[in-house]
């Protein structure tokens, strides 16, 4: 978050409220997209590539909606975070598939 504040030319400082917001929204996003992955897995015997493609399309659509209005700073900071988030969830999904859950 400090990097985002610096890019936006804000004075970076720490607040409990801001940190709580980041943690809560991150948890909600993780849970929400976890449900998306579980729903896609439960939708039938879709090939893994199809599940991942649908997942990435949904993730991209939601991310672009959240980034509205789109500007250079947001496009610099958030897409890499979205990619890391998506890859982390797909790694967890792959581990769950290997474990048989």
N, C-alpha and C. Protein backbone atom coordinates (compact mmCIF):
# COMPACT_ATOMS: atom_id res chain seq x y z
N UNK A 1 0.82 -1.19 0.00
CA UNK A 1 0.00 0.00 0.00
C UNK A 1 0.87 1.26 0.00
N UNK A 2 2.03 1.15 0.60
CA UNK A 2 2.93 2.32 0.60
C UNK A 2 3.32 2.69 -0.83
N UNK A 3 3.59 1.67 -1.65
CA UNK A 3 3.94 1.92 -3.04
C UNK A 3 2.82 2.61 -3.80
N UNK A 4 1.60 2.20 -3.53
CA UNK A 4 0.44 2.83 -4.18
C UNK A 4 0.33 4.28 -3.74
N UNK A 5 0.54 4.54 -2.47
CA UNK A 5 0.48 5.92 -1.97
C UNK A 5 1.56 6.77 -2.63
N UNK A 6 2.75 6.23 -2.78
CA UNK A 6 3.83 6.99 -3.41
C UNK A 6 3.54 7.27 -4.88
N UNK A 7 3.00 6.28 -5.58
CA UNK A 7 2.67 6.49 -6.99
C UNK A 7 1.60 7.56 -7.14
N UNK A 8 0.63 7.54 -6.24
CA UNK A 8 -0.47 8.52 -6.30
C UNK A 8 -0.05 9.89 -5.74
N UNK A 9 1.20 9.98 -5.27
CA UNK A 9 1.75 11.19 -4.68
C UNK A 9 0.99 11.63 -3.43
N UNK A 10 0.56 10.63 -2.65
CA UNK A 10 -0.05 10.89 -1.36
C UNK A 10 1.03 10.79 -0.30
N UNK A 11 0.78 11.33 0.85
CA UNK A 11 1.69 11.17 1.98
C UNK A 11 1.42 9.79 2.58
N UNK A 12 2.40 8.87 2.50
CA UNK A 12 2.15 7.52 3.04
C UNK A 12 2.18 7.53 4.57
N UNK A 13 1.17 6.93 5.15
CA UNK A 13 1.13 6.77 6.60
C UNK A 13 0.30 5.54 6.92
N UNK A 14 0.49 5.02 8.11
CA UNK A 14 -0.17 3.80 8.55
C UNK A 14 -1.38 4.15 9.39
N UNK A 15 -2.51 3.50 9.08
CA UNK A 15 -3.68 3.61 9.95
C UNK A 15 -4.24 2.22 10.18
N UNK A 16 -4.79 2.02 11.35
CA UNK A 16 -5.41 0.74 11.66
C UNK A 16 -6.63 0.52 10.75
N UNK A 17 -7.40 1.58 10.53
CA UNK A 17 -8.58 1.47 9.67
C UNK A 17 -8.22 1.09 8.25
N UNK A 18 -7.18 1.71 7.71
CA UNK A 18 -6.75 1.38 6.35
C UNK A 18 -6.24 -0.04 6.25
N UNK A 19 -5.46 -0.47 7.23
CA UNK A 19 -4.94 -1.83 7.22
C UNK A 19 -6.07 -2.85 7.37
N UNK A 20 -7.03 -2.54 8.22
CA UNK A 20 -8.18 -3.43 8.40
C UNK A 20 -8.97 -3.54 7.11
N UNK A 21 -9.15 -2.43 6.42
CA UNK A 21 -9.87 -2.44 5.15
C UNK A 21 -9.17 -3.33 4.14
N UNK A 22 -7.85 -3.22 4.03
CA UNK A 22 -7.09 -4.03 3.08
C UNK A 22 -7.22 -5.51 3.42
N UNK A 23 -7.12 -5.86 4.69
CA UNK A 23 -7.21 -7.26 5.11
C UNK A 23 -8.61 -7.82 4.85
N UNK A 24 -9.64 -7.06 5.22
CA UNK A 24 -11.02 -7.53 5.04
C UNK A 24 -11.35 -7.68 3.55
N UNK A 25 -11.01 -6.68 2.74
CA UNK A 25 -11.32 -6.77 1.31
C UNK A 25 -10.52 -7.90 0.64
N UNK A 26 -9.29 -8.09 1.06
CA UNK A 26 -8.50 -9.21 0.53
C UNK A 26 -9.10 -10.55 0.90
N UNK A 27 -9.57 -10.67 2.13
CA UNK A 27 -10.21 -11.91 2.57
C UNK A 27 -11.50 -12.17 1.80
N UNK A 28 -12.30 -11.12 1.61
CA UNK A 28 -13.55 -11.27 0.86
C UNK A 28 -13.27 -11.65 -0.60
N UNK A 29 -12.26 -11.03 -1.19
CA UNK A 29 -11.91 -11.37 -2.58
C UNK A 29 -11.43 -12.82 -2.66
N UNK A 30 -10.60 -13.23 -1.73
CA UNK A 30 -10.12 -14.61 -1.72
C UNK A 30 -11.25 -15.61 -1.57
N UNK A 31 -12.17 -15.32 -0.65
CA UNK A 31 -13.31 -16.22 -0.45
C UNK A 31 -14.22 -16.23 -1.68
N UNK A 32 -14.48 -15.06 -2.23
CA UNK A 32 -15.36 -14.97 -3.39
C UNK A 32 -14.82 -15.72 -4.59
N UNK A 33 -13.56 -15.51 -4.90
CA UNK A 33 -12.98 -16.19 -6.05
C UNK A 33 -12.71 -17.66 -5.75
N UNK A 34 -12.55 -18.00 -4.48
CA UNK A 34 -12.48 -19.41 -4.10
C UNK A 34 -13.80 -20.11 -4.41
N UNK A 35 -14.91 -19.44 -4.13
CA UNK A 35 -16.23 -19.98 -4.45
C UNK A 35 -16.39 -20.13 -5.96
N UNK A 36 -15.88 -19.16 -6.71
CA UNK A 36 -15.94 -19.25 -8.18
C UNK A 36 -15.20 -20.51 -8.65
N UNK A 37 -14.00 -20.73 -8.13
CA UNK A 37 -13.24 -21.91 -8.53
C UNK A 37 -13.95 -23.20 -8.13
N UNK A 38 -14.47 -23.26 -6.91
CA UNK A 38 -15.18 -24.46 -6.47
C UNK A 38 -16.42 -24.71 -7.30
N UNK A 39 -17.12 -23.65 -7.65
CA UNK A 39 -18.31 -23.79 -8.49
C UNK A 39 -17.94 -24.31 -9.87
N UNK A 40 -16.88 -23.78 -10.43
CA UNK A 40 -16.43 -24.26 -11.75
C UNK A 40 -16.00 -25.72 -11.68
N UNK A 41 -15.34 -26.10 -10.60
CA UNK A 41 -14.93 -27.50 -10.44
C UNK A 41 -16.12 -28.42 -10.29
N UNK A 42 -17.16 -27.94 -9.60
CA UNK A 42 -18.34 -28.76 -9.34
C UNK A 42 -19.31 -28.77 -10.53
N UNK A 43 -19.07 -27.93 -11.52
CA UNK A 43 -19.99 -27.79 -12.66
C UNK A 43 -19.97 -29.01 -13.58
N UNK A 44 -19.17 -29.94 -13.31
CA UNK A 44 -19.09 -31.12 -14.16
C UNK A 44 -17.63 -31.45 -14.43
N UNK A 45 -17.46 -32.29 -15.36
CA UNK A 45 -16.10 -32.72 -15.70
C UNK A 45 -15.51 -31.84 -16.78
N UNK A 46 -15.42 -30.56 -16.49
CA UNK A 46 -14.78 -29.64 -17.43
C UNK A 46 -13.28 -29.87 -17.39
N UNK A 47 -12.63 -29.79 -18.52
CA UNK A 47 -11.17 -29.89 -18.51
C UNK A 47 -10.57 -28.74 -17.68
N UNK A 48 -9.45 -29.03 -17.07
CA UNK A 48 -8.80 -28.04 -16.21
C UNK A 48 -8.52 -26.74 -16.97
N UNK A 49 -8.11 -26.84 -18.21
CA UNK A 49 -7.81 -25.65 -19.00
C UNK A 49 -9.06 -24.79 -19.18
N UNK A 50 -10.21 -25.41 -19.37
CA UNK A 50 -11.45 -24.66 -19.53
C UNK A 50 -11.83 -23.98 -18.23
N UNK A 51 -11.69 -24.69 -17.12
CA UNK A 51 -11.98 -24.10 -15.80
C UNK A 51 -11.09 -22.89 -15.57
N UNK A 52 -9.80 -23.03 -15.86
CA UNK A 52 -8.87 -21.92 -15.63
C UNK A 52 -9.16 -20.76 -16.56
N UNK A 53 -9.52 -21.05 -17.81
CA UNK A 53 -9.85 -19.98 -18.76
C UNK A 53 -11.07 -19.19 -18.29
N UNK A 54 -12.11 -19.89 -17.87
CA UNK A 54 -13.31 -19.21 -17.37
C UNK A 54 -12.97 -18.41 -16.11
N UNK A 55 -12.17 -19.00 -15.24
CA UNK A 55 -11.76 -18.32 -14.01
C UNK A 55 -11.03 -17.01 -14.33
N UNK A 56 -10.06 -17.06 -15.26
CA UNK A 56 -9.29 -15.87 -15.61
C UNK A 56 -10.16 -14.82 -16.28
N UNK A 57 -11.14 -15.24 -17.08
CA UNK A 57 -12.05 -14.29 -17.71
C UNK A 57 -12.90 -13.57 -16.66
N UNK A 58 -13.40 -14.31 -15.68
CA UNK A 58 -14.19 -13.71 -14.60
C UNK A 58 -13.31 -12.78 -13.77
N UNK A 59 -12.10 -13.23 -13.44
CA UNK A 59 -11.18 -12.41 -12.66
C UNK A 59 -10.83 -11.11 -13.40
N UNK A 60 -10.57 -11.21 -14.68
CA UNK A 60 -10.25 -10.01 -15.47
C UNK A 60 -11.43 -9.06 -15.54
N UNK A 61 -12.63 -9.60 -15.75
CA UNK A 61 -13.82 -8.74 -15.83
C UNK A 61 -14.07 -8.00 -14.52
N UNK A 62 -13.98 -8.71 -13.41
CA UNK A 62 -14.19 -8.07 -12.11
C UNK A 62 -13.09 -7.05 -11.83
N UNK A 63 -11.86 -7.40 -12.16
CA UNK A 63 -10.73 -6.48 -11.92
C UNK A 63 -10.89 -5.19 -12.72
N UNK A 64 -11.28 -5.31 -13.99
CA UNK A 64 -11.47 -4.11 -14.80
C UNK A 64 -12.62 -3.26 -14.27
N UNK A 65 -13.64 -3.91 -13.74
CA UNK A 65 -14.76 -3.16 -13.16
C UNK A 65 -14.31 -2.41 -11.91
N UNK A 66 -13.50 -3.04 -11.09
CA UNK A 66 -13.02 -2.41 -9.86
C UNK A 66 -12.06 -1.27 -10.17
N UNK A 67 -11.29 -1.38 -11.25
CA UNK A 67 -10.31 -0.35 -11.60
C UNK A 67 -10.93 0.86 -12.28
N UNK A 68 -12.22 0.91 -12.38
CA UNK A 68 -12.89 2.03 -13.05
C UNK A 68 -12.86 3.27 -12.18
N UNK A 69 -12.39 4.40 -12.59
CA UNK A 69 -11.87 4.72 -13.91
C UNK A 69 -10.44 4.21 -14.07
N UNK A 70 -10.13 3.78 -15.26
CA UNK A 70 -8.81 3.23 -15.56
C UNK A 70 -7.86 4.39 -15.86
N UNK A 71 -6.72 4.38 -15.18
CA UNK A 71 -5.68 5.36 -15.47
C UNK A 71 -4.32 4.66 -15.44
N UNK A 72 -3.29 5.37 -15.80
CA UNK A 72 -1.95 4.78 -15.91
C UNK A 72 -1.46 4.21 -14.59
N UNK A 73 -1.67 4.92 -13.48
CA UNK A 73 -1.20 4.44 -12.19
C UNK A 73 -1.88 3.14 -11.78
N UNK A 74 -3.18 3.07 -11.96
CA UNK A 74 -3.90 1.84 -11.61
C UNK A 74 -3.47 0.68 -12.49
N UNK A 75 -3.26 0.95 -13.77
CA UNK A 75 -2.83 -0.12 -14.67
C UNK A 75 -1.40 -0.56 -14.39
N UNK A 76 -0.62 0.28 -13.76
CA UNK A 76 0.75 -0.08 -13.40
C UNK A 76 0.79 -0.96 -12.15
N UNK A 77 -0.07 -0.66 -11.19
CA UNK A 77 0.00 -1.32 -9.89
C UNK A 77 -0.88 -2.57 -9.80
N UNK A 78 -2.13 -2.50 -10.23
CA UNK A 78 -3.07 -3.56 -9.90
C UNK A 78 -3.01 -4.82 -10.77
N UNK A 79 -2.77 -4.74 -12.07
CA UNK A 79 -2.70 -6.00 -12.84
C UNK A 79 -1.67 -7.01 -12.32
N UNK A 80 -0.46 -6.58 -11.94
CA UNK A 80 0.45 -7.58 -11.36
C UNK A 80 -0.09 -8.22 -10.08
N UNK A 81 -0.78 -7.42 -9.26
CA UNK A 81 -1.37 -7.98 -8.04
C UNK A 81 -2.48 -8.98 -8.38
N UNK A 82 -3.27 -8.67 -9.40
CA UNK A 82 -4.33 -9.58 -9.83
C UNK A 82 -3.74 -10.88 -10.35
N UNK A 83 -2.67 -10.81 -11.10
CA UNK A 83 -2.02 -12.01 -11.62
C UNK A 83 -1.49 -12.87 -10.47
N UNK A 84 -0.83 -12.26 -9.51
CA UNK A 84 -0.31 -13.00 -8.35
C UNK A 84 -1.47 -13.64 -7.58
N UNK A 85 -2.54 -12.88 -7.37
CA UNK A 85 -3.72 -13.39 -6.68
C UNK A 85 -4.30 -14.59 -7.43
N UNK A 86 -4.48 -14.45 -8.74
CA UNK A 86 -5.05 -15.54 -9.53
C UNK A 86 -4.18 -16.78 -9.53
N UNK A 87 -2.87 -16.58 -9.69
CA UNK A 87 -1.96 -17.73 -9.67
C UNK A 87 -1.95 -18.43 -8.32
N UNK A 88 -2.01 -17.65 -7.24
CA UNK A 88 -2.06 -18.26 -5.91
C UNK A 88 -3.30 -19.13 -5.75
N UNK A 89 -4.44 -18.64 -6.22
CA UNK A 89 -5.65 -19.44 -6.10
C UNK A 89 -5.59 -20.69 -6.99
N UNK A 90 -4.99 -20.59 -8.16
CA UNK A 90 -4.88 -21.75 -9.02
C UNK A 90 -3.91 -22.78 -8.45
N UNK A 91 -2.86 -22.33 -7.76
CA UNK A 91 -1.95 -23.27 -7.09
C UNK A 91 -2.69 -24.02 -5.99
N UNK A 92 -3.49 -23.31 -5.21
CA UNK A 92 -4.28 -23.96 -4.16
C UNK A 92 -5.26 -24.94 -4.79
N UNK A 93 -5.89 -24.55 -5.90
CA UNK A 93 -6.83 -25.44 -6.58
C UNK A 93 -6.13 -26.70 -7.07
N UNK A 94 -4.95 -26.55 -7.64
CA UNK A 94 -4.20 -27.72 -8.12
C UNK A 94 -3.82 -28.64 -6.96
N UNK A 95 -3.44 -28.07 -5.84
CA UNK A 95 -3.10 -28.90 -4.67
C UNK A 95 -4.33 -29.61 -4.14
N UNK A 96 -5.46 -28.95 -4.15
CA UNK A 96 -6.70 -29.59 -3.70
C UNK A 96 -7.08 -30.74 -4.63
N UNK A 97 -6.90 -30.55 -5.94
CA UNK A 97 -7.20 -31.61 -6.90
C UNK A 97 -6.30 -32.82 -6.66
N UNK A 98 -5.00 -32.56 -6.40
CA UNK A 98 -4.07 -33.67 -6.14
C UNK A 98 -4.42 -34.41 -4.87
N UNK A 99 -4.91 -33.66 -3.87
CA UNK A 99 -5.27 -34.28 -2.60
C UNK A 99 -6.62 -34.99 -2.67
N UNK A 100 -7.35 -34.74 -3.75
CA UNK A 100 -8.63 -35.40 -3.92
C UNK A 100 -9.79 -34.72 -3.22
N UNK A 101 -9.62 -33.43 -2.87
CA UNK A 101 -10.73 -32.74 -2.21
C UNK A 101 -11.47 -31.86 -3.18
